[in-house]
Every structure is written in C-alpha cells, then in structure tokens.
C-alpha atoms as a PDB file:
ATOM      1  CA  UNK A   1      16.685  -9.997 -18.651  1.00  0.00           C
ATOM      2  CA  UNK A   2      17.092  -6.477 -19.988  1.00  0.00           C
ATOM      3  CA  UNK A   3      20.227  -4.754 -18.708  1.00  0.00           C
ATOM      4  CA  UNK A   4      19.203  -1.148 -19.387  1.00  0.00           C
ATOM      5  CA  UNK A   5      18.565   1.028 -16.378  1.00  0.00           C
ATOM      6  CA  UNK A   6      15.313   2.832 -15.628  1.00  0.00           C
ATOM      7  CA  UNK A   7      14.422   6.238 -14.271  1.00  0.00           C
ATOM      8  CA  UNK A   8      11.895   5.766 -11.483  1.00  0.00           C
ATOM      9  CA  UNK A   9      10.033   8.369  -9.425  1.00  0.00           C
ATOM     10  CA  UNK A  10       8.874   7.665  -5.883  1.00  0.00           C
ATOM     11  CA  UNK A  11       5.847   9.731  -4.863  1.00  0.00           C
ATOM     12  CA  UNK A  12       5.940   9.547  -1.071  1.00  0.00           C
ATOM     13  CA  UNK A  13       9.360   8.197  -0.012  1.00  0.00           C
ATOM     14  CA  UNK A  14       8.230   6.905   3.381  1.00  0.00           C
ATOM     15  CA  UNK A  15       8.684   3.357   4.640  1.00  0.00           C
ATOM     16  CA  UNK A  16       7.527   1.483   1.539  1.00  0.00           C
ATOM     17  CA  UNK A  17       8.558   4.041  -1.066  1.00  0.00           C
ATOM     18  CA  UNK A  18      11.871   4.729   0.621  1.00  0.00           C
ATOM     19  CA  UNK A  19      12.765   1.055   0.677  1.00  0.00           C
ATOM     20  CA  UNK A  20      11.848   0.515  -2.988  1.00  0.00           C
ATOM     21  CA  UNK A  21      13.672   3.667  -4.057  1.00  0.00           C
ATOM     22  CA  UNK A  22      16.804   2.805  -2.119  1.00  0.00           C
ATOM     23  CA  UNK A  23      16.971  -0.741  -3.511  1.00  0.00           C
ATOM     24  CA  UNK A  24      16.553   0.503  -7.085  1.00  0.00           C
ATOM     25  CA  UNK A  25      19.125   3.264  -6.599  1.00  0.00           C
ATOM     26  CA  UNK A  26      21.626   0.813  -5.084  1.00  0.00           C
ATOM     27  CA  UNK A  27      21.146  -1.371  -8.165  1.00  0.00           C
ATOM     28  CA  UNK A  28      22.099   1.472 -10.484  1.00  0.00           C
ATOM     29  CA  UNK A  29      18.748   2.958 -11.489  1.00  0.00           C
ATOM     30  CA  UNK A  30      18.086   6.679 -11.435  1.00  0.00           C
ATOM     31  CA  UNK A  31      15.622   7.412  -8.633  1.00  0.00           C
ATOM     32  CA  UNK A  32      13.783  10.713  -8.143  1.00  0.00           C
ATOM     33  CA  UNK A  33      11.930  11.097  -4.843  1.00  0.00           C
ATOM     34  CA  UNK A  34       8.976  13.506  -4.809  1.00  0.00           C
ATOM     35  CA  UNK A  35       8.165  15.017  -1.430  1.00  0.00           C
ATOM     36  CA  UNK A  36       7.722  18.244   0.496  1.00  0.00           C
ATOM     37  CA  UNK A  37      10.490  20.826   0.412  1.00  0.00           C
ATOM     38  CA  UNK A  38      12.078  19.908   3.752  1.00  0.00           C
ATOM     39  CA  UNK A  39      12.095  16.158   3.060  1.00  0.00           C
ATOM     40  CA  UNK A  40      13.373  16.696  -0.487  1.00  0.00           C
ATOM     41  CA  UNK A  41      16.261  18.775   0.871  1.00  0.00           C
ATOM     42  CA  UNK A  42      17.255  16.017   3.317  1.00  0.00           C
ATOM     43  CA  UNK A  43      17.068  13.319   0.639  1.00  0.00           C
ATOM     44  CA  UNK A  44      19.112  15.357  -1.833  1.00  0.00           C
ATOM     45  CA  UNK A  45      21.807  15.896   0.787  1.00  0.00           C
ATOM     46  CA  UNK A  46      21.856  12.603   2.674  1.00  0.00           C
ATOM     47  CA  UNK A  47      20.157  10.031   0.412  1.00  0.00           C
ATOM     48  CA  UNK A  48      18.016   7.168   1.674  1.00  0.00           C
ATOM     49  CA  UNK A  49      19.393   5.225   4.634  1.00  0.00           C
ATOM     50  CA  UNK A  50      18.035   1.701   5.103  1.00  0.00           C
ATOM     51  CA  UNK A  51      18.332  -0.585   8.122  1.00  0.00           C
ATOM     52  CA  UNK A  52      17.345  -4.117   7.117  1.00  0.00           C
ATOM     53  CA  UNK A  53      18.208  -7.615   8.270  1.00  0.00           C
ATOM     54  CA  UNK A  54      17.362  -8.838   4.752  1.00  0.00           C
ATOM     55  CA  UNK A  55      19.136  -6.223   2.634  1.00  0.00           C
ATOM     56  CA  UNK A  56      21.746  -4.955   5.106  1.00  0.00           C
ATOM     57  CA  UNK A  57      22.292  -1.417   6.319  1.00  0.00           C
ATOM     58  CA  UNK A  58      23.146   0.950   3.473  1.00  0.00           C
ATOM     59  CA  UNK A  59      22.697   4.466   2.144  1.00  0.00           C
ATOM     60  CA  UNK A  60      21.622   5.095  -1.452  1.00  0.00           C
ATOM     61  CA  UNK A  61      22.077   8.422  -3.219  1.00  0.00           C
ATOM     62  CA  UNK A  62      18.883   9.680  -4.879  1.00  0.00           C
ATOM     63  CA  UNK A  63      17.597  12.823  -6.507  1.00  0.00           C
ATOM     64  CA  UNK A  64      14.701  14.646  -4.851  1.00  0.00           C
ATOM     65  CA  UNK A  65      12.285  17.387  -5.825  1.00  0.00           C
ATOM     66  CA  UNK A  66       8.907  18.774  -4.861  1.00  0.00           C
ATOM     67  CA  UNK A  67       7.474  18.090  -8.333  1.00  0.00           C
ATOM     68  CA  UNK A  68       8.091  15.852 -11.322  1.00  0.00           C
ATOM     69  CA  UNK A  69       9.738  18.039 -13.954  1.00  0.00           C
ATOM     70  CA  UNK A  70      10.710  15.544 -16.680  1.00  0.00           C
ATOM     71  CA  UNK A  71       9.444  12.207 -18.014  1.00  0.00           C
ATOM     72  CA  UNK A  72      10.319   8.987 -16.186  1.00  0.00           C
ATOM     73  CA  UNK A  73       9.847   5.310 -16.982  1.00  0.00           C
ATOM     74  CA  UNK A  74       7.750   4.555 -13.904  1.00  0.00           C
ATOM     75  CA  UNK A  75       6.262   6.130 -10.808  1.00  0.00           C
ATOM     76  CA  UNK A  76       5.552   4.325  -7.561  1.00  0.00           C
ATOM     77  CA  UNK A  77       2.713   6.009  -5.660  1.00  0.00           C
ATOM     78  CA  UNK A  78       3.414   5.151  -2.023  1.00  0.00           C
ATOM     79  CA  UNK A  79       1.588   7.829  -0.053  1.00  0.00           C
ATOM     80  CA  UNK A  80      -1.304   7.039   2.272  1.00  0.00           C
ATOM     81  CA  UNK A  81      -4.762   7.251   0.727  1.00  0.00           C
ATOM     82  CA  UNK A  82      -5.485  10.197   3.046  1.00  0.00           C
ATOM     83  CA  UNK A  83      -2.724  12.220   1.346  1.00  0.00           C
ATOM     84  CA  UNK A  84      -3.260  11.043  -2.224  1.00  0.00           C
ATOM     85  CA  UNK A  85      -5.102  13.996  -3.751  1.00  0.00           C
ATOM     86  CA  UNK A  86      -2.612  16.558  -2.481  1.00  0.00           C
ATOM     87  CA  UNK A  87       0.368  14.385  -3.413  1.00  0.00           C
ATOM     88  CA  UNK A  88      -0.775  13.951  -7.013  1.00  0.00           C
ATOM     89  CA  UNK A  89      -0.261  17.676  -7.562  1.00  0.00           C
ATOM     90  CA  UNK A  90       3.462  16.815  -7.540  1.00  0.00           C
ATOM     91  CA  UNK A  91       2.982  14.734 -10.713  1.00  0.00           C
ATOM     92  CA  UNK A  92       1.509  16.809 -13.575  1.00  0.00           C
ATOM     93  CA  UNK A  93      -0.133  14.617 -16.197  1.00  0.00           C
ATOM     94  CA  UNK A  94       1.545  16.331 -19.198  1.00  0.00           C
ATOM     95  CA  UNK A  95       4.983  15.688 -17.677  1.00  0.00           C
ATOM     96  CA  UNK A  96       4.177  12.092 -16.734  1.00  0.00           C
ATOM     97  CA  UNK A  97       3.049  11.161 -20.224  1.00  0.00           C
ATOM     98  CA  UNK A  98       2.824   7.420 -20.900  1.00  0.00           C
ATOM     99  CA  UNK A  99       4.878   6.227 -17.908  1.00  0.00           C
ATOM    100  CA  UNK A 100       4.015   3.176 -15.835  1.00  0.00           C
ATOM    101  CA  UNK A 101       2.193   4.199 -12.641  1.00  0.00           C
ATOM    102  CA  UNK A 102       2.209   1.663  -9.807  1.00  0.00           C
ATOM    103  CA  UNK A 103       0.119   2.652  -6.775  1.00  0.00           C
ATOM    104  CA  UNK A 104       0.817   0.633  -3.628  1.00  0.00           C
ATOM    105  CA  UNK A 105      -2.137   1.937  -1.636  1.00  0.00           C
ATOM    106  CA  UNK A 106      -4.716   0.236   0.522  1.00  0.00           C
ATOM    107  CA  UNK A 107      -8.210  -0.189  -0.865  1.00  0.00           C
ATOM    108  CA  UNK A 108      -9.434  -0.331  -4.453  1.00  0.00           C
ATOM    109  CA  UNK A 109     -10.936   3.051  -5.361  1.00  0.00           C
ATOM    110  CA  UNK A 110      -7.613   4.748  -6.165  1.00  0.00           C
ATOM    111  CA  UNK A 111      -7.151   2.789  -9.400  1.00  0.00           C
ATOM    112  CA  UNK A 112     -10.044   4.490 -11.203  1.00  0.00           C
ATOM    113  CA  UNK A 113      -8.994   7.872  -9.811  1.00  0.00           C
ATOM    114  CA  UNK A 114      -5.455   7.511 -11.150  1.00  0.00           C
ATOM    115  CA  UNK A 115      -6.613   6.308 -14.568  1.00  0.00           C
ATOM    116  CA  UNK A 116      -8.873   9.332 -14.860  1.00  0.00           C
ATOM    117  CA  UNK A 117      -6.111  11.682 -13.731  1.00  0.00           C
ATOM    118  CA  UNK A 118      -3.447  10.181 -16.020  1.00  0.00           C
ATOM    119  CA  UNK A 119      -5.248   8.973 -19.167  1.00  0.00           C
ATOM    120  CA  UNK A 120      -2.033   8.611 -21.184  1.00  0.00           C
ATOM    121  CA  UNK A 121      -0.169   6.666 -18.494  1.00  0.00           C
ATOM    122  CA  UNK A 122      -0.260   2.935 -17.848  1.00  0.00           C
ATOM    123  CA  UNK A 123      -1.747   2.613 -14.366  1.00  0.00           C
ATOM    124  CA  UNK A 124      -0.960  -0.862 -13.034  1.00  0.00           C
ATOM    125  CA  UNK A 125      -2.704  -2.201  -9.939  1.00  0.00           C
ATOM    126  CA  UNK A 126      -0.189  -3.298  -7.350  1.00  0.00           C
ATOM    127  CA  UNK A 127       0.042  -4.572  -3.794  1.00  0.00           C
ATOM    128  CA  UNK A 128       2.982  -5.119  -1.464  1.00  0.00           C
ATOM    129  CA  UNK A 129       3.626  -7.262   1.599  1.00  0.00           C
ATOM    130  CA  UNK A 130       6.287  -5.613   3.737  1.00  0.00           C
ATOM    131  CA  UNK A 131       6.904  -4.045   7.111  1.00  0.00           C
ATOM    132  CA  UNK A 132       8.938  -0.888   6.588  1.00  0.00           C
ATOM    133  CA  UNK A 133       8.770   2.233   8.738  1.00  0.00           C
ATOM    134  CA  UNK A 134      10.089   5.734   8.110  1.00  0.00           C
ATOM    135  CA  UNK A 135      11.648   6.913  11.378  1.00  0.00           C
ATOM    136  CA  UNK A 136      12.665  10.334  10.008  1.00  0.00           C
ATOM    137  CA  UNK A 137      13.065  11.856   6.534  1.00  0.00           C
ATOM    138  CA  UNK A 138      15.201   9.478   4.495  1.00  0.00           C
ATOM    139  CA  UNK A 139      15.541   6.887   7.275  1.00  0.00           C
ATOM    140  CA  UNK A 140      13.730   3.563   6.902  1.00  0.00           C
ATOM    141  CA  UNK A 141      13.715   0.460   9.092  1.00  0.00           C
ATOM    142  CA  UNK A 142      12.741  -2.670   7.169  1.00  0.00           C
ATOM    143  CA  UNK A 143      11.655  -5.220   9.772  1.00  0.00           C
ATOM    144  CA  UNK A 144      10.037  -8.042   7.762  1.00  0.00           C
ATOM    145  CA  UNK A 145      12.067 -10.838   6.134  1.00  0.00           C
ATOM    146  CA  UNK A 146      10.317 -10.091   2.838  1.00  0.00           C
ATOM    147  CA  UNK A 147       9.265  -7.280   0.497  1.00  0.00           C
ATOM    148  CA  UNK A 148       6.948  -8.877  -2.046  1.00  0.00           C
ATOM    149  CA  UNK A 149       5.095  -7.078  -4.814  1.00  0.00           C
ATOM    150  CA  UNK A 150       2.163  -8.262  -6.887  1.00  0.00           C
ATOM    151  CA  UNK A 151       1.495  -6.403 -10.136  1.00  0.00           C
ATOM    152  CA  UNK A 152      -1.496  -6.999 -12.383  1.00  0.00           C
ATOM    153  CA  UNK A 153       0.139  -6.512 -15.775  1.00  0.00           C
ATOM    154  CA  UNK A 154       2.656  -8.226 -18.085  1.00  0.00           C
ATOM    155  CA  UNK A 155       5.580  -5.997 -17.035  1.00  0.00           C
ATOM    156  CA  UNK A 156       8.264  -8.617 -17.595  1.00  0.00           C
ATOM    157  CA  UNK A 157      11.250  -6.322 -18.169  1.00  0.00           C
ATOM    158  CA  UNK A 158      10.383  -3.929 -15.355  1.00  0.00           C
ATOM    159  CA  UNK A 159       9.646  -6.858 -13.027  1.00  0.00           C
ATOM    160  CA  UNK A 160      13.145  -8.166 -13.809  1.00  0.00           C
ATOM    161  CA  UNK A 161      14.601  -4.813 -12.718  1.00  0.00           C
ATOM    162  CA  UNK A 162      12.699  -5.028  -9.440  1.00  0.00           C
ATOM    163  CA  UNK A 163      13.753  -8.617  -8.814  1.00  0.00           C
ATOM    164  CA  UNK A 164      17.394  -7.810  -9.579  1.00  0.00           C
ATOM    165  CA  UNK A 165      17.201  -5.023  -6.985  1.00  0.00           C
ATOM    166  CA  UNK A 166      16.061  -7.606  -4.414  1.00  0.00           C
ATOM    167  CA  UNK A 167      12.282  -7.303  -4.400  1.00  0.00           C
ATOM    168  CA  UNK A 168       9.944 -10.252  -4.734  1.00  0.00           C
ATOM    169  CA  UNK A 169       7.632  -9.793  -7.726  1.00  0.00           C
ATOM    170  CA  UNK A 170       4.645 -11.822  -8.883  1.00  0.00           C
ATOM    171  CA  UNK A 171       2.820 -10.818 -12.061  1.00  0.00           C
ATOM    172  CA  UNK A 172      -0.892 -11.520 -12.088  1.00  0.00           C
ATOM    173  CA  UNK A 173      -3.506 -11.343 -14.802  1.00  0.00           C
ATOM    174  CA  UNK A 174      -6.632 -10.615 -12.715  1.00  0.00           C
ATOM    175  CA  UNK A 175      -6.502  -7.132 -11.199  1.00  0.00           C
ATOM    176  CA  UNK A 176      -9.814  -7.483  -9.358  1.00  0.00           C
ATOM    177  CA  UNK A 177      -8.850 -10.759  -7.705  1.00  0.00           C
ATOM    178  CA  UNK A 178      -5.460  -9.379  -6.680  1.00  0.00           C
ATOM    179  CA  UNK A 179      -6.869  -6.257  -5.024  1.00  0.00           C
ATOM    180  CA  UNK A 180      -9.655  -8.130  -3.242  1.00  0.00           C
ATOM    181  CA  UNK A 181      -7.253 -10.848  -2.059  1.00  0.00           C
ATOM    182  CA  UNK A 182      -5.538  -8.119  -0.058  1.00  0.00           C
ATOM    183  CA  UNK A 183      -8.628  -6.145   0.995  1.00  0.00           C
ATOM    184  CA  UNK A 184     -10.518  -9.239   2.168  1.00  0.00           C
ATOM    185  CA  UNK A 185      -7.829  -9.752   4.808  1.00  0.00           C
ATOM    186  CA  UNK A 186      -6.854  -6.143   5.415  1.00  0.00           C
ATOM    187  CA  UNK A 187     -10.350  -4.766   6.063  1.00  0.00           C
ATOM    188  CA  UNK A 188     -11.347  -7.135   8.888  1.00  0.00           C
ATOM    189  CA  UNK A 189      -7.798  -7.059  10.273  1.00  0.00           C
ATOM    190  CA  UNK A 190      -7.626  -3.252  10.356  1.00  0.00           C
ATOM    191  CA  UNK A 191     -11.191  -2.661  11.540  1.00  0.00           C
ATOM    192  CA  UNK A 192     -11.207  -5.255  14.328  1.00  0.00           C
ATOM    193  CA  UNK A 193      -7.730  -4.562  15.717  1.00  0.00           C
ATOM    194  CA  UNK A 194      -8.401  -0.815  15.705  1.00  0.00           C
ATOM    195  CA  UNK A 195     -11.890  -1.051  17.193  1.00  0.00           C
ATOM    196  CA  UNK A 196     -10.882  -3.392  20.004  1.00  0.00           C
ATOM    197  CA  UNK A 197      -7.335  -2.048  20.509  1.00  0.00           C
ATOM    198  CA  UNK A 198      -6.061  -5.619  20.284  1.00  0.00           C
ATOM    199  CA  UNK A 199      -3.532  -7.635  18.337  1.00  0.00           C
ATOM    200  CA  UNK A 200      -4.605 -10.211  15.789  1.00  0.00           C
ATOM    201  CA  UNK A 201      -4.140 -13.116  18.212  1.00  0.00           C
ATOM    202  CA  UNK A 202      -6.667 -11.647  20.621  1.00  0.00           C
ATOM    203  CA  UNK A 203      -9.103 -10.916  17.794  1.00  0.00           C
ATOM    204  CA  UNK A 204      -9.064 -14.451  16.405  1.00  0.00           C
ATOM    205  CA  UNK A 205      -9.550 -15.997  19.854  1.00  0.00           C
ATOM    206  CA  UNK A 206     -11.708 -13.566  21.866  1.00  0.00           C
ATOM    207  CA  UNK A 207     -13.619 -11.958  18.974  1.00  0.00           C
ATOM    208  CA  UNK A 208     -13.966 -14.939  16.646  1.00  0.00           C
ATOM    209  CA  UNK A 209     -17.772 -14.752  16.119  1.00  0.00           C
ATOM    210  CA  UNK A 210     -17.481 -11.104  15.110  1.00  0.00           C
ATOM    211  CA  UNK A 211     -14.474 -11.916  12.908  1.00  0.00           C
ATOM    212  CA  UNK A 212     -16.433 -14.643  11.125  1.00  0.00           C
ATOM    213  CA  UNK A 213     -19.435 -12.359  10.590  1.00  0.00           C
ATOM    214  CA  UNK A 214     -17.278  -9.664   9.028  1.00  0.00           C
ATOM    215  CA  UNK A 215     -15.369 -12.171   6.894  1.00  0.00           C
ATOM    216  CA  UNK A 216     -18.624 -13.614   5.542  1.00  0.00           C
ATOM    217  CA  UNK A 217     -19.768 -10.134   4.508  1.00  0.00           C
ATOM    218  CA  UNK A 218     -16.495  -9.045   2.936  1.00  0.00           C
ATOM    219  CA  UNK A 219     -15.920 -12.264   1.004  1.00  0.00           C
ATOM    220  CA  UNK A 220     -19.499 -12.058  -0.297  1.00  0.00           C
ATOM    221  CA  UNK A 221     -18.754  -8.562  -1.587  1.00  0.00           C
ATOM    222  CA  UNK A 222     -15.465  -9.732  -3.093  1.00  0.00           C
ATOM    223  CA  UNK A 223     -17.190 -12.610  -4.878  1.00  0.00           C
ATOM    224  CA  UNK A 224     -19.848 -10.264  -6.237  1.00  0.00           C
ATOM    225  CA  UNK A 225     -17.054  -8.026  -7.530  1.00  0.00           C
ATOM    226  CA  UNK A 226     -15.569 -10.994  -9.378  1.00  0.00           C
ATOM    227  CA  UNK A 227     -12.865 -12.250  -6.995  1.00  0.00           C
ATOM    228  CA  UNK A 228     -12.786 -15.931  -5.952  1.00  0.00           C
ATOM    229  CA  UNK A 229     -12.215 -15.224  -2.237  1.00  0.00           C
ATOM    230  CA  UNK A 230     -13.645 -17.475   0.481  1.00  0.00           C
ATOM    231  CA  UNK A 231     -14.105 -17.047   4.224  1.00  0.00           C
ATOM    232  CA  UNK A 232     -12.066 -20.187   4.912  1.00  0.00           C
ATOM    233  CA  UNK A 233      -9.120 -18.909   2.877  1.00  0.00           C
ATOM    234  CA  UNK A 234      -9.017 -15.538   4.629  1.00  0.00           C
ATOM    235  CA  UNK A 235      -9.577 -17.126   8.032  1.00  0.00           C
ATOM    236  CA  UNK A 236      -6.538 -19.324   7.455  1.00  0.00           C
ATOM    237  CA  UNK A 237      -4.437 -16.165   7.034  1.00  0.00           C
ATOM    238  CA  UNK A 238      -5.752 -14.876  10.357  1.00  0.00           C
ATOM    239  CA  UNK A 239      -4.985 -18.144  12.085  1.00  0.00           C
ATOM    240  CA  UNK A 240      -1.410 -18.209  10.729  1.00  0.00           C
ATOM    241  CA  UNK A 241      -0.579 -14.568  11.461  1.00  0.00           C
ATOM    242  CA  UNK A 242       1.839 -13.834  14.335  1.00  0.00           C
ATOM    243  CA  UNK A 243      -0.160 -13.423  17.555  1.00  0.00           C
ATOM    244  CA  UNK A 244       1.200  -9.934  18.303  1.00  0.00           C
ATOM    245  CA  UNK A 245       0.615  -8.499  14.799  1.00  0.00           C
ATOM    246  CA  UNK A 246      -1.129  -5.110  14.708  1.00  0.00           C
ATOM    247  CA  UNK A 247      -2.582  -3.235  11.758  1.00  0.00           C
ATOM    248  CA  UNK A 248      -1.179  -0.001  10.364  1.00  0.00           C
ATOM    249  CA  UNK A 249      -4.594   1.622  10.888  1.00  0.00           C
ATOM    250  CA  UNK A 250      -4.409   0.690  14.568  1.00  0.00           C
ATOM    251  CA  UNK A 251      -0.912   2.185  14.840  1.00  0.00           C
ATOM    252  CA  UNK A 252      -2.024   5.365  13.075  1.00  0.00           C
ATOM    253  CA  UNK A 253      -4.989   5.823  15.429  1.00  0.00           C
ATOM    254  CA  UNK A 254      -2.804   5.170  18.474  1.00  0.00           C
ATOM    255  CA  UNK A 255      -0.327   7.792  17.275  1.00  0.00           C
ATOM    256  CA  UNK A 256      -2.988  10.365  16.402  1.00  0.00           C
ATOM    257  CA  UNK A 257      -2.135  10.281  12.692  1.00  0.00           C
ATOM    258  CA  UNK A 258      -4.647  10.376   9.808  1.00  0.00           C
ATOM    259  CA  UNK A 259      -5.895   6.852   9.162  1.00  0.00           C
ATOM    260  CA  UNK A 260      -7.350   5.083   6.164  1.00  0.00           C
ATOM    261  CA  UNK A 261     -10.827   4.201   7.386  1.00  0.00           C
ATOM    262  CA  UNK A 262     -12.543   5.295   4.173  1.00  0.00           C
ATOM    263  CA  UNK A 263      -9.998   3.663   1.864  1.00  0.00           C
ATOM    264  CA  UNK A 264     -10.313   0.322   3.682  1.00  0.00           C
ATOM    265  CA  UNK A 265     -13.710   0.094   5.392  1.00  0.00           C
ATOM    266  CA  UNK A 266     -15.455   2.589   3.137  1.00  0.00           C
ATOM    267  CA  UNK A 267     -14.321   0.726   0.032  1.00  0.00           C
ATOM    268  CA  UNK A 268     -16.014  -2.448   1.266  1.00  0.00           C
ATOM    269  CA  UNK A 269     -19.250  -0.614   2.082  1.00  0.00           C
ATOM    270  CA  UNK A 270     -19.351   1.124  -1.314  1.00  0.00           C
ATOM    271  CA  UNK A 271     -18.689  -2.119  -3.190  1.00  0.00           C
ATOM    272  CA  UNK A 272     -21.342  -3.890  -1.109  1.00  0.00           C
ATOM    273  CA  UNK A 273     -23.905  -1.212  -1.950  1.00  0.00           C
ATOM    274  CA  UNK A 274     -22.957  -1.325  -5.643  1.00  0.00           C
ATOM    275  CA  UNK A 275     -23.492  -5.109  -5.776  1.00  0.00           C
ATOM    276  CA  UNK A 276     -26.523  -5.282  -3.487  1.00  0.00           C
ATOM    277  CA  UNK A 277     -24.688  -7.118  -0.681  1.00  0.00           C
ATOM    278  CA  UNK A 278     -25.717  -6.236   2.892  1.00  0.00           C
ATOM    279  CA  UNK A 279     -22.793  -5.479   5.221  1.00  0.00           C
ATOM    280  CA  UNK A 280     -24.242  -4.582   8.657  1.00  0.00           C
ATOM    281  CA  UNK A 281     -21.379  -5.952  10.770  1.00  0.00           C
ATOM    282  CA  UNK A 282     -18.784  -4.147   8.668  1.00  0.00           C
ATOM    283  CA  UNK A 283     -20.816  -0.916   8.656  1.00  0.00           C
ATOM    284  CA  UNK A 284     -21.109  -1.046  12.448  1.00  0.00           C
ATOM    285  CA  UNK A 285     -17.354  -1.484  12.807  1.00  0.00           C
ATOM    286  CA  UNK A 286     -16.624   1.430  10.468  1.00  0.00           C
ATOM    287  CA  UNK A 287     -18.992   3.668  12.441  1.00  0.00           C
ATOM    288  CA  UNK A 288     -17.530   2.577  15.783  1.00  0.00           C
ATOM    289  CA  UNK A 289     -13.930   3.163  14.685  1.00  0.00           C
ATOM    290  CA  UNK A 290     -14.855   6.632  13.390  1.00  0.00           C
ATOM    291  CA  UNK A 291     -16.662   7.467  16.660  1.00  0.00           C
ATOM    292  CA  UNK A 292     -13.808   6.131  18.770  1.00  0.00           C
ATOM    293  CA  UNK A 293     -11.223   8.168  16.854  1.00  0.00           C
ATOM    294  CA  UNK A 294     -13.329  11.350  17.086  1.00  0.00           C
ATOM    295  CA  UNK A 295     -13.596  10.967  20.845  1.00  0.00           C
ATOM    296  CA  UNK A 296      -9.841  10.577  21.196  1.00  0.00           C
ATOM    297  CA  UNK A 297      -8.925  13.456  18.906  1.00  0.00           C
END
C-alpha cells in the first residue's frame, strides 16, 4: 500500500461528503471542503464533527473554501443531483486539471455531464451504501454499521487510502452494471415509498403487484442498457431490507426539500425511451409523485 498522503476536495460536505472527508482527514490526508460561505466558515473554525457507532465520535480539522483554488488529487462530488449544476461552479475545470473525480450521486446521467465539463479529469463512476445525515453545518450522524463504496476503475492506490481511513471499497470493471445495480433497486424503492408514504415493509407486502410491475420494467431497461440485472435479484433486496426503511426521496418530500425525482425516475424513463422499452407503470409513478409534491408545496 502506498503511504503518501493525498489532497482531497469534498464538493458538498453534507452527510456522505462530511463523513468521507472527516475519515480521510483523521487519517492524515489534506481535506478541502467546498461549500457556501457560511458553511465554509463553520468548517474552517470547527472542523467536521462525526457521531458514529462504527467510527466513534470525533472531530476532524479540515480546510474549507467557496471555490477550488489549487489542484488536488481527487474530488468527491457529494451534492444532491438537484444542486449539481450550481455546485460545479465551485470547481473550475482549469484548476481541477487531471484530478480523479468521484461523483456519489443518484441516477446515471451525471457521469456524461461531468466528463463533458471536465475533459482533462478522470471521472470515475461511484456508488455508496451508507446512512449519514448532516444535522447542521459540519455535524454528521452516521447511523449505519457500514460505509461501502464501489468505484468503476482500477484505482488501487487511492482505494487503499480509502480503506485505511475505514471505508469499505470494491473496485469494479463494469461501470454500467454498477450504476444500474443501484438504480434498479433505488428507483422502485424511492418512487413507491414516496408515492404511498409507506416504508419498504408495507410496499413489499401491500403493494407487491405494483412493485413487481415496476421491477419488471426497470430491469428490462437495465438489461437493454447492458447490465445483467434481474427482477428476482432486486426483489430479494426488497425482501431482505429492514421493514421500517424509508427512502431519502421520501424523507426529502416529507421535509419539503428539493427531491431527486428526475435523477432517479426520469433517468429510468429516458433510458427506456432510448432503448425502446415501454415503462408505463414507472411513468405513472413519476407523474403521481410529481403531482403529489406540487399539491403539498
């Protein structure tokens, strides 16, 4: 394992980004958090404070700024899809250069956008399984007994840094399969729990026919896109999930926050149209969630 330390920027130091940044900073890496002026001021003064049964409670000192002003080794993009375009203004392409860019966003469309925006950088598709919530600027509660990354690139040295900091890391070779593995579960989970204001246990028992219809559509789209995803595989995830589990989209709608309907549901519909796969059940859910949210806003 390489022992040299990295300089890593965190674009959007919320729950996920804050946790990753704090773990890397605690392990001796230089971490620069990019955020709005008020949040950057808090982080510069107080650092990132983590509460975690897995990693312990600790505070990590970090740097913070409103814009990237010098080259770094890597950037984690951990904003919501709804804030992505505005957030990217904090990372000028000439400053970023050939750095590694790891977006941990829902959906699939952001990969092409980032590669177009940063043609000299190495944009690596990534996903993360974690429950981490920002309770205030620089304060993160990590509530899951895991924080596991998947990265679709041979980043052996950088993956070693992440593992040494305490993160789980799996390197994969098939970017499309990795992204659709996540979306094939996330899309039906987010759409159905949000539409019916129910946890996953209620969905899989009371709404099972609708769940199966949506899974059949989404896995057909995934297969057409080149990912070996099956309805049975995704259904097994649903059946093993904790009964009370809710989706982040559902929580965002309940709290009146912007939510990622287009990044999650829209991505499925666009991919279905591109591959000639009909998705009526999914399209109906997307329309109903949008209507429901408009009525409540």
